[in-house]
Protein backbone atom coordinates (compact mmCIF):
# COMPACT_ATOMS: atom_id res chain seq x y z
CA MET A 1 -18.69 -9.26 -6.94
CA ALA A 2 -15.26 -9.99 -6.96
CA ARG A 3 -13.06 -9.08 -3.89
CA VAL A 4 -11.10 -6.35 -5.57
CA CYS A 5 -10.56 -2.88 -4.77
CA GLN A 6 -11.89 -0.57 -7.41
CA VAL A 7 -9.27 2.17 -6.73
CA THR A 8 -6.16 0.29 -5.74
CA GLY A 9 -6.76 -3.31 -7.50
CA LYS A 10 -5.89 -5.20 -4.29
CA LYS A 11 -7.36 -8.74 -4.44
CA PRO A 12 -6.83 -11.91 -2.42
CA ILE A 13 -3.51 -13.49 -2.24
CA THR A 14 -2.70 -16.83 -0.89
CA GLY A 15 -0.13 -18.22 1.41
CA ASN A 16 0.29 -20.84 4.11
CA LYS A 17 -1.50 -21.16 7.41
CA VAL A 18 1.16 -22.44 10.02
CA SER A 19 0.15 -24.36 12.99
CA HIS A 20 2.00 -24.66 16.53
CA SER A 21 3.35 -27.97 15.00
CA ASN A 22 4.70 -26.29 11.86
CA ILE A 23 2.02 -28.03 9.50
CA LYS A 24 1.46 -25.62 6.52
CA THR A 25 -2.13 -25.70 4.70
CA LYS A 26 -3.12 -23.15 2.20
CA ARG A 27 -5.09 -20.11 2.77
CA ARG A 28 -6.16 -16.87 1.31
CA PHE A 29 -5.43 -13.38 2.79
CA LEU A 30 -8.37 -11.26 1.90
CA PRO A 31 -8.03 -7.21 1.41
CA ASN A 32 -9.93 -5.07 3.96
CA LEU A 33 -12.84 -3.99 1.57
CA GLN A 34 -15.46 -1.60 2.51
CA THR A 35 -18.60 -0.53 0.50
CA LYS A 36 -18.84 3.39 0.64
CA ARG A 37 -21.18 6.03 -0.66
CA TYR A 38 -19.39 9.05 -1.68
CA PHE A 39 -20.99 12.37 -2.83
CA LEU A 40 -19.61 13.50 -6.08
CA ALA A 41 -20.32 17.31 -6.06
CA GLU A 42 -19.13 18.07 -9.52
CA GLU A 43 -21.85 15.73 -10.84
CA ASP A 44 -24.32 16.19 -7.76
CA LYS A 45 -24.94 12.52 -7.65
CA TRP A 46 -24.06 9.55 -5.20
CA VAL A 47 -21.36 7.01 -6.26
CA THR A 48 -20.93 3.64 -4.47
CA LEU A 49 -17.26 2.40 -4.68
CA LYS A 50 -16.07 -1.10 -3.22
CA VAL A 51 -12.42 0.11 -1.78
CA SER A 52 -9.96 -0.86 0.61
CA SER A 53 -8.91 1.01 3.60
CA GLU A 54 -5.68 2.29 1.75
CA ALA A 55 -7.87 3.35 -1.27
CA ILE A 56 -10.19 5.39 1.60
CA ARG A 57 -7.04 7.39 2.51
CA THR A 58 -6.16 7.88 -1.09
CA ILE A 59 -9.50 9.28 -1.58
CA ASN A 60 -9.11 11.60 1.36
CA LYS A 61 -5.72 12.73 0.06
CA ASN A 62 -6.16 13.35 -3.71
CA GLY A 63 -10.03 14.08 -3.52
CA LEU A 64 -12.98 12.17 -4.88
CA PHE A 65 -13.23 13.75 -8.24
CA SER A 66 -9.53 13.13 -9.26
CA VAL A 67 -9.92 9.39 -8.29
CA VAL A 68 -13.08 8.82 -10.17
CA LYS A 69 -11.66 10.65 -13.27
CA GLY A 70 -8.72 8.42 -13.21
CA LEU A 71 -10.91 5.29 -12.73
CA ARG A 72 -12.94 6.42 -15.81
CA ALA A 73 -9.80 7.00 -17.80
CA ALA A 74 -8.85 3.40 -17.06
CA GLY A 75 -11.92 2.34 -18.40
CA GLU A 76 -13.97 1.37 -15.15
CA LYS A 77 -17.89 2.32 -15.29
CA ILE A 78 -18.95 4.64 -12.59
């Protein structure tokens, strides 16, 4: 699976690793992704999402059902 958050769409970005002698080499900055299982009470089933830590806070704030509803409206299969 790709390293992309299902809720926020965060994905790896590129940048430079800078050594003490200021030599720059390319590197990747990876998002903080977690695989989480949530219980969707409205449908009485478990859903597994690959989410970033920011997305976990969004789910806590807005509620799981509204986030899943938005994902399904965007065409994500959950």
